[in-house]
N, C-alpha and C. Protein backbone atom coordinates (compact mmCIF):
# COMPACT_ATOMS: atom_id res chain seq x y z
N MET A 1 100.31 40.76 35.73
CA MET A 1 99.10 40.38 35.13
C MET A 1 98.72 39.13 35.83
N ASP A 2 97.40 38.94 36.37
CA ASP A 2 96.94 37.69 36.96
C ASP A 2 96.62 36.28 35.81
N PRO A 3 96.96 35.59 36.33
CA PRO A 3 97.31 34.47 35.08
C PRO A 3 95.40 33.92 34.77
N PHE A 4 94.69 34.05 35.65
CA PHE A 4 93.14 33.96 35.30
C PHE A 4 92.29 35.19 35.04
N ASN A 5 92.92 36.28 34.42
CA ASN A 5 92.35 37.20 34.26
C ASN A 5 92.64 37.59 32.61
N GLY A 6 93.48 36.75 32.42
CA GLY A 6 93.77 36.78 31.08
C GLY A 6 94.50 36.02 30.63
N VAL A 7 95.70 36.40 29.30
CA VAL A 7 97.06 35.37 28.92
C VAL A 7 98.10 35.67 29.51
N ARG A 8 98.76 34.66 29.88
CA ARG A 8 100.03 34.73 30.20
C ARG A 8 101.11 34.54 29.13
N GLY A 9 102.58 35.25 28.93
CA GLY A 9 103.08 34.98 28.07
C GLY A 9 103.87 33.31 27.44
N THR A 10 104.38 33.35 26.92
CA THR A 10 105.03 31.97 26.38
C THR A 10 105.46 31.37 27.64
N PRO A 11 105.02 29.81 27.84
CA PRO A 11 105.00 29.59 29.38
C PRO A 11 106.71 29.12 29.41
N GLN A 12 107.43 29.69 30.53
CA GLN A 12 108.51 29.15 30.91
C GLN A 12 108.54 27.90 31.46
N PRO A 13 109.65 27.17 31.01
CA PRO A 13 109.86 25.42 31.61
C PRO A 13 110.03 25.50 33.22
N LEU A 14 109.44 24.38 33.91
CA LEU A 14 109.56 24.13 35.22
C LEU A 14 110.69 23.51 35.25
N SER A 15 111.36 23.63 35.95
CA SER A 15 112.80 22.75 36.64
C SER A 15 112.08 21.44 36.96
N ALA A 16 112.98 20.22 37.04
CA ALA A 16 112.53 18.71 37.14
C ALA A 16 112.20 18.71 38.71
N GLU A 17 112.28 19.30 39.45
CA GLU A 17 112.07 19.88 41.01
C GLU A 17 110.56 20.24 41.20
N THR A 18 110.63 21.57 40.53
CA THR A 18 109.46 22.21 40.37
C THR A 18 108.48 21.45 39.66
N LEU A 19 108.34 20.81 38.72
CA LEU A 19 107.61 20.25 37.55
C LEU A 19 107.26 18.95 38.68
N SER A 20 107.72 18.38 39.38
CA SER A 20 107.70 17.09 40.11
C SER A 20 106.22 17.90 41.40
N LEU A 21 106.47 18.90 41.74
CA LEU A 21 106.02 19.34 42.90
C LEU A 21 104.51 19.87 42.42
N PHE A 22 104.57 20.73 40.97
CA PHE A 22 103.35 21.03 40.64
C PHE A 22 102.48 19.98 40.22
N THR A 23 103.14 19.13 39.66
CA THR A 23 102.37 17.66 38.97
C THR A 23 101.66 17.17 40.71
N GLU A 24 102.22 17.20 41.72
CA GLU A 24 101.78 16.71 42.94
C GLU A 24 100.69 18.10 43.35
N GLY A 25 100.22 18.88 43.23
CA GLY A 25 99.49 19.83 43.32
C GLY A 25 98.39 19.59 42.37
N VAL A 26 98.61 19.44 41.13
CA VAL A 26 97.68 19.18 40.18
C VAL A 26 96.98 17.90 40.74
N GLY A 27 97.37 16.86 41.17
CA GLY A 27 96.69 15.66 41.74
C GLY A 27 96.15 16.01 42.80
N LEU A 28 96.60 16.78 43.76
CA LEU A 28 95.74 17.43 45.08
C LEU A 28 94.40 18.21 44.44
N VAL A 29 94.38 18.91 43.63
CA VAL A 29 93.51 19.81 42.76
C VAL A 29 92.78 18.77 43.01
N LEU A 30 92.54 17.94 42.31
CA LEU A 30 91.46 17.07 41.43
C LEU A 30 91.34 16.32 42.46
N SER A 31 91.63 16.11 43.54
CA SER A 31 91.40 15.16 44.82
C SER A 31 90.29 15.80 45.82
N ARG A 32 90.56 17.05 45.44
CA ARG A 32 89.38 18.16 46.44
C ARG A 32 88.69 18.49 45.37
N TRP A 33 88.38 18.00 44.07
CA TRP A 33 87.50 18.50 43.56
C TRP A 33 86.04 17.34 43.39
N THR A 34 84.94 17.95 44.42
CA THR A 34 83.92 17.22 44.77
C THR A 34 83.34 16.53 43.76
N ALA A 35 82.71 17.53 43.03
CA ALA A 35 81.90 16.71 41.90
C ALA A 35 82.68 15.86 40.59
N LEU A 36 84.08 16.00 40.82
CA LEU A 36 84.85 14.91 39.89
C LEU A 36 85.30 13.71 40.77
N GLN A 37 85.14 13.88 42.05
CA GLN A 37 85.38 12.53 42.81
C GLN A 37 84.11 11.68 42.76
N MET A 38 82.94 12.58 42.58
CA MET A 38 81.74 11.68 43.03
C MET A 38 81.54 10.75 41.39
N ALA A 39 81.98 11.84 40.26
CA ALA A 39 81.88 10.99 39.27
C ALA A 39 82.68 9.67 39.30
N VAL A 40 84.04 9.93 39.73
CA VAL A 40 84.76 8.93 39.80
C VAL A 40 84.30 7.59 40.60
N GLU A 41 83.94 8.21 41.64
CA GLU A 41 83.71 7.21 42.96
C GLU A 41 82.44 6.19 42.14
N ASN A 42 80.96 7.00 41.76
CA ASN A 42 80.36 6.33 41.05
C ASN A 42 80.14 5.57 39.78
N GLU A 43 81.53 5.79 39.43
CA GLU A 43 81.84 5.40 37.88
C GLU A 43 80.85 5.72 36.71
N TRP A 44 80.54 7.47 36.66
CA TRP A 44 80.12 7.55 35.45
C TRP A 44 80.95 7.83 34.52
N GLY A 45 82.53 7.38 34.24
CA GLY A 45 83.37 7.00 33.31
C GLY A 45 83.36 5.34 33.05
N GLY A 46 82.45 5.08 33.67
CA GLY A 46 82.51 3.31 33.32
C GLY A 46 83.83 2.71 34.59
N ARG A 47 83.79 1.41 34.43
CA ARG A 47 85.18 0.83 35.08
C ARG A 47 86.21 1.29 35.06
N ALA A 48 86.51 2.11 33.85
CA ALA A 48 87.73 3.01 33.80
C ALA A 48 87.94 4.63 34.14
N SER A 49 86.96 4.53 35.13
CA SER A 49 86.84 6.04 35.93
C SER A 49 87.80 6.36 36.36
N LEU A 50 88.85 5.64 37.19
CA LEU A 50 90.01 5.98 37.77
C LEU A 50 91.06 5.85 36.86
N GLN A 51 91.07 5.35 36.10
CA GLN A 51 92.09 5.23 35.09
C GLN A 51 92.35 6.90 34.20
N HIS A 52 90.58 7.25 33.72
CA HIS A 52 90.42 8.65 33.50
C HIS A 52 90.89 9.44 34.02
N LEU A 53 90.47 9.76 35.64
CA LEU A 53 91.14 10.56 36.28
C LEU A 53 92.49 10.59 36.22
N GLN A 54 93.56 9.53 36.08
CA GLN A 54 94.55 9.60 36.29
C GLN A 54 95.34 10.24 34.99
N LYS A 55 94.96 9.80 34.01
CA LYS A 55 94.83 10.38 32.45
C LYS A 55 94.77 11.83 32.75
N LEU A 56 93.81 12.41 33.35
CA LEU A 56 93.24 14.09 33.20
C LEU A 56 94.34 14.75 33.75
N SER A 57 94.95 14.10 35.06
CA SER A 57 95.99 14.57 35.78
C SER A 57 97.35 14.53 34.73
N THR A 58 97.63 13.76 34.07
CA THR A 58 98.29 13.67 33.44
C THR A 58 98.48 14.87 32.20
N ASP A 59 97.36 14.86 31.38
CA ASP A 59 97.53 15.57 30.42
C ASP A 59 97.04 16.94 31.12
N LEU A 60 96.87 17.30 32.28
CA LEU A 60 96.75 18.85 32.67
C LEU A 60 98.25 19.05 33.16
N VAL A 61 99.37 18.33 33.42
CA VAL A 61 100.31 18.72 33.59
C VAL A 61 101.12 18.78 32.05
N SER A 62 101.15 18.39 31.16
CA SER A 62 101.30 18.13 29.89
C SER A 62 100.97 19.95 29.49
N TRP A 63 99.35 20.14 29.60
CA TRP A 63 99.08 21.30 28.84
C TRP A 63 99.95 22.77 29.79
N PHE A 64 100.28 22.24 30.43
CA PHE A 64 101.04 23.24 31.48
C PHE A 64 102.43 23.19 31.09
N SER A 65 102.96 22.04 30.99
CA SER A 65 104.75 22.28 31.04
C SER A 65 105.08 21.80 29.01
N GLN A 66 104.26 21.61 28.83
CA GLN A 66 104.80 20.86 27.50
C GLN A 66 104.12 21.93 25.98
N SER A 67 103.37 23.21 26.45
CA SER A 67 102.67 24.22 25.47
C SER A 67 103.88 25.11 25.14
N ASN A 68 103.94 25.56 23.67
CA ASN A 68 104.58 26.60 23.75
C ASN A 68 103.59 27.69 22.95
N ALA A 69 102.29 27.78 23.51
CA ALA A 69 101.79 28.98 23.43
C ALA A 69 101.27 29.46 24.23
N PRO A 70 100.91 30.84 24.30
CA PRO A 70 100.26 31.72 25.68
C PRO A 70 99.39 30.56 26.01
N LEU A 71 99.01 30.31 27.45
CA LEU A 71 98.04 29.48 28.18
C LEU A 71 97.02 30.60 28.53
N TYR A 72 95.83 30.12 28.14
CA TYR A 72 94.71 31.29 28.21
C TYR A 72 93.65 30.35 29.13
N ILE A 73 93.10 30.81 30.49
CA ILE A 73 92.17 30.20 31.12
C ILE A 73 91.03 29.64 30.50
N ASP A 74 90.60 30.22 29.40
CA ASP A 74 89.54 29.92 28.91
C ASP A 74 89.56 28.67 28.20
N ASP A 75 90.55 28.20 27.77
CA ASP A 75 90.98 27.25 27.18
C ASP A 75 91.11 25.82 27.82
N LEU A 76 91.39 26.18 29.29
CA LEU A 76 91.94 25.11 30.37
C LEU A 76 90.58 24.77 30.53
N GLU A 77 90.00 26.02 30.97
CA GLU A 77 88.02 25.36 31.19
C GLU A 77 87.29 24.98 29.89
N MET A 78 87.56 25.19 28.79
CA MET A 78 86.77 24.61 27.95
C MET A 78 87.70 22.75 27.63
N MET A 79 88.82 22.76 27.73
CA MET A 79 89.56 21.02 28.27
C MET A 79 88.94 20.19 29.33
N LEU A 80 88.63 21.03 30.11
CA LEU A 80 87.98 20.84 31.69
C LEU A 80 86.60 19.86 31.03
N ASP A 81 85.94 20.78 30.52
CA ASP A 81 84.55 20.63 29.94
C ASP A 81 84.73 19.54 29.23
N GLU A 82 85.05 19.60 27.97
CA GLU A 82 85.54 18.45 26.96
C GLU A 82 85.41 17.31 27.89
N LYS A 83 86.62 17.08 28.95
CA LYS A 83 87.17 16.14 29.31
C LYS A 83 86.20 15.32 30.15
N MET A 84 85.36 16.25 31.09
CA MET A 84 84.09 15.74 32.07
C MET A 84 83.08 15.00 31.11
N LEU A 85 82.72 15.57 29.95
CA LEU A 85 81.71 15.00 28.96
C LEU A 85 82.27 13.82 28.53
N LEU A 86 83.39 13.95 27.73
CA LEU A 86 83.98 12.77 26.94
C LEU A 86 84.30 11.38 28.15
N SER A 87 84.78 11.75 29.47
CA SER A 87 85.53 10.73 30.13
C SER A 87 84.38 10.34 31.38
N PHE A 88 83.41 10.98 31.35
CA PHE A 88 82.37 10.81 32.94
C PHE A 88 81.21 11.01 32.10
N ASN A 89 81.00 11.14 30.73
CA ASN A 89 79.51 11.27 30.45
C ASN A 89 78.68 12.71 31.38
N SER A 90 79.52 13.50 32.01
CA SER A 90 78.55 14.36 32.39
C SER A 90 79.14 15.87 31.96
N VAL A 91 78.14 16.55 32.71
CA VAL A 91 78.37 18.14 32.56
C VAL A 91 78.53 18.97 34.00
N PHE A 92 79.21 19.56 34.26
CA PHE A 92 78.88 20.32 35.51
C PHE A 92 78.51 21.61 35.07
N GLU A 93 77.47 21.94 35.73
CA GLU A 93 77.01 22.90 35.84
C GLU A 93 77.08 24.12 37.02
N ASP A 94 77.98 23.89 37.76
CA ASP A 94 78.14 24.30 39.09
C ASP A 94 79.09 25.26 39.15
N GLY A 95 79.86 25.69 38.24
CA GLY A 95 80.74 26.86 38.12
C GLY A 95 82.26 26.47 38.85
N SER A 96 82.52 24.79 39.49
CA SER A 96 83.42 24.10 39.89
C SER A 96 84.70 24.24 38.90
N ILE A 97 84.19 24.11 37.48
CA ILE A 97 85.22 23.86 36.62
C ILE A 97 86.05 25.20 36.08
N GLU A 98 85.43 26.39 36.54
CA GLU A 98 86.13 27.50 36.33
C GLU A 98 86.95 28.01 37.95
N GLU A 99 86.45 27.41 38.72
CA GLU A 99 87.13 27.46 39.75
C GLU A 99 88.50 26.52 39.81
N VAL A 100 88.63 25.42 39.62
CA VAL A 100 89.45 24.58 39.17
C VAL A 100 90.40 25.00 38.53
N ALA A 101 89.83 25.37 37.40
CA ALA A 101 90.94 26.31 36.43
C ALA A 101 91.91 27.32 36.66
N GLU A 102 91.18 28.36 37.89
CA GLU A 102 91.81 29.62 38.43
C GLU A 102 93.20 28.76 39.16
N GLN A 103 92.52 27.97 40.03
CA GLN A 103 93.26 27.05 41.06
C GLN A 103 94.11 26.69 40.46
N LEU A 104 94.14 26.04 39.09
CA LEU A 104 95.23 25.55 38.85
C LEU A 104 96.23 26.51 37.56
N MET A 105 95.86 27.60 37.50
CA MET A 105 96.80 28.55 37.12
C MET A 105 97.84 29.21 38.18
N ILE A 106 96.72 29.51 38.95
CA ILE A 106 97.47 30.27 40.17
C ILE A 106 98.84 29.15 40.91
N LEU A 107 98.21 27.78 40.90
CA LEU A 107 99.21 27.06 41.41
C LEU A 107 100.57 27.09 40.48
N HIS A 108 100.14 26.83 38.98
CA HIS A 108 101.10 26.98 38.29
C HIS A 108 102.05 28.28 38.24
N GLU A 109 101.36 29.30 38.13
CA GLU A 109 102.12 30.59 38.04
C GLU A 109 103.05 30.66 39.66
N GLU A 110 102.66 30.26 40.59
CA GLU A 110 103.45 30.09 41.72
C GLU A 110 104.52 29.57 41.70
N CYS A 111 104.22 28.47 41.70
CA CYS A 111 105.43 27.44 40.95
C CYS A 111 106.74 27.88 40.29
N LEU A 112 106.19 28.26 39.37
CA LEU A 112 106.78 29.59 38.15
C LEU A 112 108.01 30.21 39.03
N ASN A 113 107.41 30.97 39.76
CA ASN A 113 107.87 31.89 40.71
C ASN A 113 108.49 31.26 42.19
N GLY A 114 109.03 29.82 42.30
CA GLY A 114 109.18 29.37 43.39
C GLY A 114 108.48 29.78 44.96
N ASN A 115 107.10 29.46 44.59
CA ASN A 115 106.09 30.08 45.42
C ASN A 115 105.19 29.01 45.67
N PHE A 116 105.37 27.94 47.02
CA PHE A 116 104.66 26.77 46.83
C PHE A 116 103.34 26.61 47.89
N GLU A 117 103.04 28.44 48.32
CA GLU A 117 102.13 28.55 49.40
C GLU A 117 100.67 27.89 48.75
N THR A 118 100.37 27.79 47.85
CA THR A 118 99.08 26.85 47.44
C THR A 118 98.97 25.57 47.49
N LEU A 119 100.45 24.97 47.39
CA LEU A 119 100.72 23.58 47.35
C LEU A 119 100.74 23.06 48.78
N CYS A 120 101.48 24.14 49.66
CA CYS A 120 101.17 23.82 51.06
C CYS A 120 99.79 23.75 51.60
N GLN A 121 98.94 24.71 51.31
CA GLN A 121 97.51 24.66 51.70
C GLN A 121 96.91 23.71 51.01
N LEU A 122 96.93 22.73 49.89
CA LEU A 122 96.31 22.10 49.66
C LEU A 122 97.05 20.57 50.32
N ARG A 123 98.03 20.36 50.29
CA ARG A 123 98.53 19.42 51.79
C ARG A 123 97.39 19.42 52.69
N ALA A 124 97.25 20.64 53.42
CA ALA A 124 97.10 20.71 54.76
C ALA A 124 95.17 20.36 54.31
N SER A 125 94.79 20.05 53.58
CA SER A 125 93.36 20.35 53.28
C SER A 125 92.64 19.31 53.27
N SER A 126 91.61 18.83 53.26
CA SER A 126 91.07 17.45 53.52
C SER A 126 90.74 16.93 51.69
N PRO A 127 91.03 15.90 51.18
CA PRO A 127 90.40 16.10 50.42
C PRO A 127 88.95 15.31 50.26
N ALA A 128 88.30 15.11 48.86
CA ALA A 128 86.91 15.63 48.26
C ALA A 128 86.17 14.28 48.75
N THR A 129 86.89 13.04 48.94
CA THR A 129 86.08 11.85 49.02
C THR A 129 85.44 12.02 50.37
N GLN A 130 85.44 13.03 51.50
CA GLN A 130 84.58 12.98 52.62
C GLN A 130 83.46 13.60 52.33
N ALA A 131 83.56 14.64 51.47
CA ALA A 131 82.47 14.93 50.96
C ALA A 131 81.68 14.18 49.88
N VAL A 132 82.16 13.23 49.07
CA VAL A 132 81.39 12.34 48.40
C VAL A 132 80.80 11.38 49.04
N SER A 133 81.45 10.80 50.31
CA SER A 133 81.12 9.75 51.44
C SER A 133 79.52 10.07 51.86
N GLN A 134 80.03 11.48 52.50
CA GLN A 134 78.39 12.25 53.08
C GLN A 134 77.49 12.26 52.24
N SER A 135 77.70 12.67 50.71
CA SER A 135 76.47 12.58 49.83
C SER A 135 76.10 11.74 49.33
N ARG A 136 76.95 10.24 49.16
CA ARG A 136 76.26 9.10 48.67
C ARG A 136 75.60 8.96 50.20
N LYS A 137 75.67 8.83 51.67
CA LYS A 137 75.05 8.74 52.75
C LYS A 137 73.69 9.33 53.08
N VAL A 138 73.79 10.59 52.39
CA VAL A 138 72.48 11.54 52.29
C VAL A 138 71.42 10.71 50.91
N SER A 139 71.99 10.74 50.08
CA SER A 139 71.55 9.59 48.85
C SER A 139 70.58 8.53 49.08
N GLU A 140 71.31 7.77 49.97
CA GLU A 140 71.26 6.39 50.06
C GLU A 140 70.13 6.45 51.18
N GLU A 141 70.05 7.39 51.61
CA GLU A 141 68.90 7.41 53.17
C GLU A 141 67.47 8.06 52.22
N GLU A 142 67.81 9.00 51.54
CA GLU A 142 66.69 9.79 50.96
C GLU A 142 66.30 8.87 49.88
N GLY A 143 66.96 7.83 49.28
CA GLY A 143 66.25 6.87 48.39
C GLY A 143 65.39 5.86 49.09
N SER A 144 65.70 5.26 50.20
CA SER A 144 65.02 4.76 50.70
C SER A 144 63.51 5.34 50.97
N ASP A 145 63.49 6.30 50.88
CA ASP A 145 62.03 7.13 51.17
C ASP A 145 61.26 7.08 49.89
N ASP A 146 62.22 6.87 48.84
CA ASP A 146 61.14 7.29 47.61
C ASP A 146 60.20 6.02 46.85
N SER A 147 59.13 6.58 46.37
CA SER A 147 58.59 5.69 45.57
C SER A 147 58.79 4.34 44.71
N THR A 148 57.96 3.02 44.93
CA THR A 148 58.31 2.13 43.66
C THR A 148 58.79 2.57 42.52
N ASP A 149 57.59 3.87 42.46
CA ASP A 149 57.86 4.64 41.04
C ASP A 149 59.22 4.68 40.65
N ASP A 150 59.62 5.58 41.63
CA ASP A 150 60.96 6.58 41.34
C ASP A 150 62.14 5.05 40.68
N GLU A 151 61.52 4.22 41.56
CA GLU A 151 62.87 3.08 41.88
C GLU A 151 63.17 2.90 40.39
N HIS A 152 62.67 2.74 39.38
CA HIS A 152 62.84 2.12 37.97
C HIS A 152 62.84 3.51 37.23
N GLU A 153 63.13 4.52 37.74
CA GLU A 153 63.77 5.78 36.55
C GLU A 153 65.15 5.55 36.28
N PRO A 154 65.40 5.62 34.66
CA PRO A 154 66.73 5.45 34.71
C PRO A 154 68.02 6.24 35.08
N ALA A 155 69.08 5.83 35.14
CA ALA A 155 70.04 6.76 36.56
C ALA A 155 70.49 7.41 35.20
N SER A 156 70.29 7.68 34.07
CA SER A 156 70.90 8.52 33.12
C SER A 156 70.50 9.67 33.24
N ASP A 157 70.82 11.02 32.30
CA ASP A 157 70.56 12.51 32.52
C ASP A 157 70.00 12.64 33.82
N MET A 158 70.97 12.27 34.63
CA MET A 158 70.80 12.88 35.98
C MET A 158 71.31 13.73 36.98
N ALA A 159 70.37 14.88 37.94
CA ALA A 159 71.31 15.97 38.34
C ALA A 159 71.23 15.93 39.55
N LEU A 160 72.31 15.81 40.11
CA LEU A 160 73.03 15.66 41.69
C LEU A 160 72.94 17.18 41.96
N ASP A 161 72.42 17.31 43.11
CA ASP A 161 72.74 18.72 43.57
C ASP A 161 74.14 18.60 44.99
N ILE A 162 75.24 19.40 44.92
CA ILE A 162 75.94 19.17 45.60
C ILE A 162 76.11 20.60 46.57
N GLU A 163 76.39 20.64 48.07
CA GLU A 163 76.28 21.57 48.97
C GLU A 163 77.34 22.35 48.51
N PRO A 164 76.95 24.13 48.45
CA PRO A 164 78.09 24.59 47.66
C PRO A 164 79.28 24.88 48.59
N GLU A 165 79.50 24.47 49.44
CA GLU A 165 80.71 24.48 50.61
C GLU A 165 81.20 23.17 50.38
N GLN A 166 80.62 22.04 49.64
CA GLN A 166 81.76 21.50 49.29
C GLN A 166 82.10 21.19 47.55
N MET A 167 81.67 22.20 46.90
CA MET A 167 81.35 22.26 45.57
C MET A 167 82.73 21.92 44.75
N ALA A 168 83.86 22.62 45.10
CA ALA A 168 85.15 22.58 44.95
C ALA A 168 86.31 23.00 45.49
N VAL A 169 87.61 23.54 45.23
CA VAL A 169 88.86 23.23 45.92
C VAL A 169 88.73 23.98 46.94
N ASP A 170 88.42 25.09 46.55
CA ASP A 170 88.21 26.16 47.82
C ASP A 170 87.03 26.95 47.94
N PRO A 171 85.94 26.41 49.00
CA PRO A 171 84.78 26.54 49.65
C PRO A 171 84.55 28.02 49.68
N VAL A 172 86.06 29.28 49.84
CA VAL A 172 85.18 30.76 50.04
C VAL A 172 84.88 30.99 48.53
N LYS A 173 85.54 30.25 47.65
CA LYS A 173 85.01 31.05 46.39
C LYS A 173 84.06 31.23 45.64
N SER A 174 83.08 29.42 46.26
CA SER A 174 81.80 29.26 45.69
C SER A 174 80.88 29.96 45.89
N LYS A 175 80.30 30.35 44.45
CA LYS A 175 79.06 31.48 44.60
C LYS A 175 77.89 31.26 43.88
N SER A 176 77.81 29.68 43.50
CA SER A 176 76.37 29.14 43.05
C SER A 176 76.16 27.79 43.40
N SER A 177 74.41 27.57 43.63
CA SER A 177 74.47 26.35 44.09
C SER A 177 75.06 25.25 43.04
N SER A 178 75.44 24.01 43.78
CA SER A 178 75.86 23.14 42.40
C SER A 178 75.07 21.91 41.82
N LYS A 179 75.34 21.89 40.57
CA LYS A 179 74.76 20.81 39.85
C LYS A 179 75.63 20.02 38.48
N VAL A 180 75.56 18.29 38.80
CA VAL A 180 76.31 17.77 38.13
C VAL A 180 75.51 17.30 36.96
N VAL A 181 75.32 17.03 35.55
CA VAL A 181 74.21 16.66 34.80
C VAL A 181 74.99 15.21 34.25
N GLN A 182 74.25 14.34 34.75
CA GLN A 182 74.79 12.96 33.84
C GLN A 182 74.41 12.64 32.79
N LEU A 183 74.54 12.51 32.01
CA LEU A 183 74.10 12.63 30.24
C LEU A 183 74.13 10.64 29.67
N SER A 184 73.38 10.67 29.23
CA SER A 184 72.93 9.12 28.42
C SER A 184 73.68 9.08 27.33
N SER A 185 74.13 7.48 27.19
CA SER A 185 74.43 7.41 25.48
C SER A 185 74.23 8.13 24.48
N LYS A 186 73.02 8.13 24.57
CA LYS A 186 72.22 8.48 23.71
C LYS A 186 71.98 10.10 22.93
N GLU A 187 72.21 10.61 24.41
CA GLU A 187 72.63 12.20 24.19
C GLU A 187 74.10 12.86 23.77
N ILE A 188 75.01 11.66 24.36
CA ILE A 188 76.09 11.81 23.78
C ILE A 188 76.58 11.73 22.43
N ALA A 189 75.86 10.85 22.02
CA ALA A 189 76.41 10.10 20.66
C ALA A 189 75.98 11.32 19.56
N GLU A 190 74.91 12.14 20.47
CA GLU A 190 73.64 13.61 19.08
C GLU A 190 74.65 14.64 19.60
N GLY A 191 75.75 14.42 20.57
CA GLY A 191 76.18 15.55 20.54
C GLY A 191 75.88 16.54 21.40
N TRP A 192 74.69 16.38 22.30
CA TRP A 192 74.09 17.39 23.48
C TRP A 192 75.05 17.94 24.42
N ALA A 193 75.09 18.66 24.82
CA ALA A 193 75.93 19.53 25.58
C ALA A 193 75.18 20.82 25.75
N PRO A 194 74.93 20.98 27.02
CA PRO A 194 74.65 22.47 27.28
C PRO A 194 75.42 23.58 26.65
N VAL A 195 74.88 24.78 26.55
CA VAL A 195 76.03 25.93 25.90
C VAL A 195 76.07 26.82 27.27
N THR A 196 77.20 26.93 27.73
CA THR A 196 77.84 27.40 28.78
C THR A 196 78.10 29.04 28.44
N SER A 197 77.95 29.97 29.34
CA SER A 197 78.67 31.14 29.27
C SER A 197 80.17 31.22 28.83
N ARG A 198 80.95 30.57 28.97
CA ARG A 198 82.41 30.42 28.74
C ARG A 198 82.53 29.92 27.49
N ARG A 199 81.85 29.29 26.75
CA ARG A 199 81.62 28.73 25.35
C ARG A 199 81.31 30.17 24.85
N ASN A 200 81.19 31.02 24.85
CA ASN A 200 80.41 32.00 24.08
C ASN A 200 81.57 33.40 24.25
N ARG A 201 82.46 33.42 25.40
CA ARG A 201 82.45 34.84 25.64
C ARG A 201 84.12 34.84 25.24
N GLY A 202 84.77 34.22 24.57
CA GLY A 202 86.49 34.07 23.92
C GLY A 202 87.26 34.45 24.85
N LYS A 203 88.64 34.72 24.34
CA LYS A 203 89.32 34.74 25.27
C LYS A 203 89.44 36.28 26.34
N ARG A 204 89.66 35.39 27.34
CA ARG A 204 89.75 36.72 28.44
C ARG A 204 90.64 37.36 28.50
N SER A 205 90.87 38.96 28.38
CA SER A 205 91.97 39.79 28.49
C SER A 205 91.57 40.62 29.39
N SER A 206 93.08 40.99 30.34
CA SER A 206 92.50 42.64 31.12
C SER A 206 92.73 43.77 30.46
C-alpha cells in the first residue's frame, strides 16, 4: 500500500542511524519548499521565523518517529496547514502542502525499507532560496513601477503568486498555480481561514 494513498499500520521504529538520515531528509524537504522559505525569508512569523522553521522540522520528525498510531497523510497535511497559519500567519493555497506531505510520507517509507533514493535526490537538488531570491527581485522591480497609492496599502491579507515550477519540492508534480495568502493579526484572532478540500474529505483509504 502506498503511504500517501491511505493509512500505514503502526509505525515501525527507525534505527538511530536511519533516524538521523530521515531527519536530514525532512530538513532538505523543508529547505526546498519555496512558499515556506518565502515565509521565513520575509519573516511572516516575526523575528522568530527561523526558529519556527526549525521547530517545524523537529515536530515533523517527532510525528513520524514517536507516534504509536497509524500515520494518515490527511493528518500530516492538517498539521502542516495549521503550523503555516499559527507560525507564519499564512495560508498556502498552492497545493504545496499536499505535495510536501506526500514527499515526507515517501521519504519515511523509504527510510524504513533502507532505501535512500529520495534522500539522495534531495541532496542533489537546489534549495528553494534561489527561487525566493528571484521572486523577491521580481517583486522589487514590479514594486518600483507601482503608483504611490499602492505604496500605502497594508502588507497583511496579501496574496503572492509563485511560478508553478518553483512551487514545491518536486516541480514535476505541481499541477496548479501557486498562491500564498498572508493573514492579518485580526483575521487570525477571529479564526479566519479558507476551507480547503482536505478539511472535508476525511481520512483517505485505498
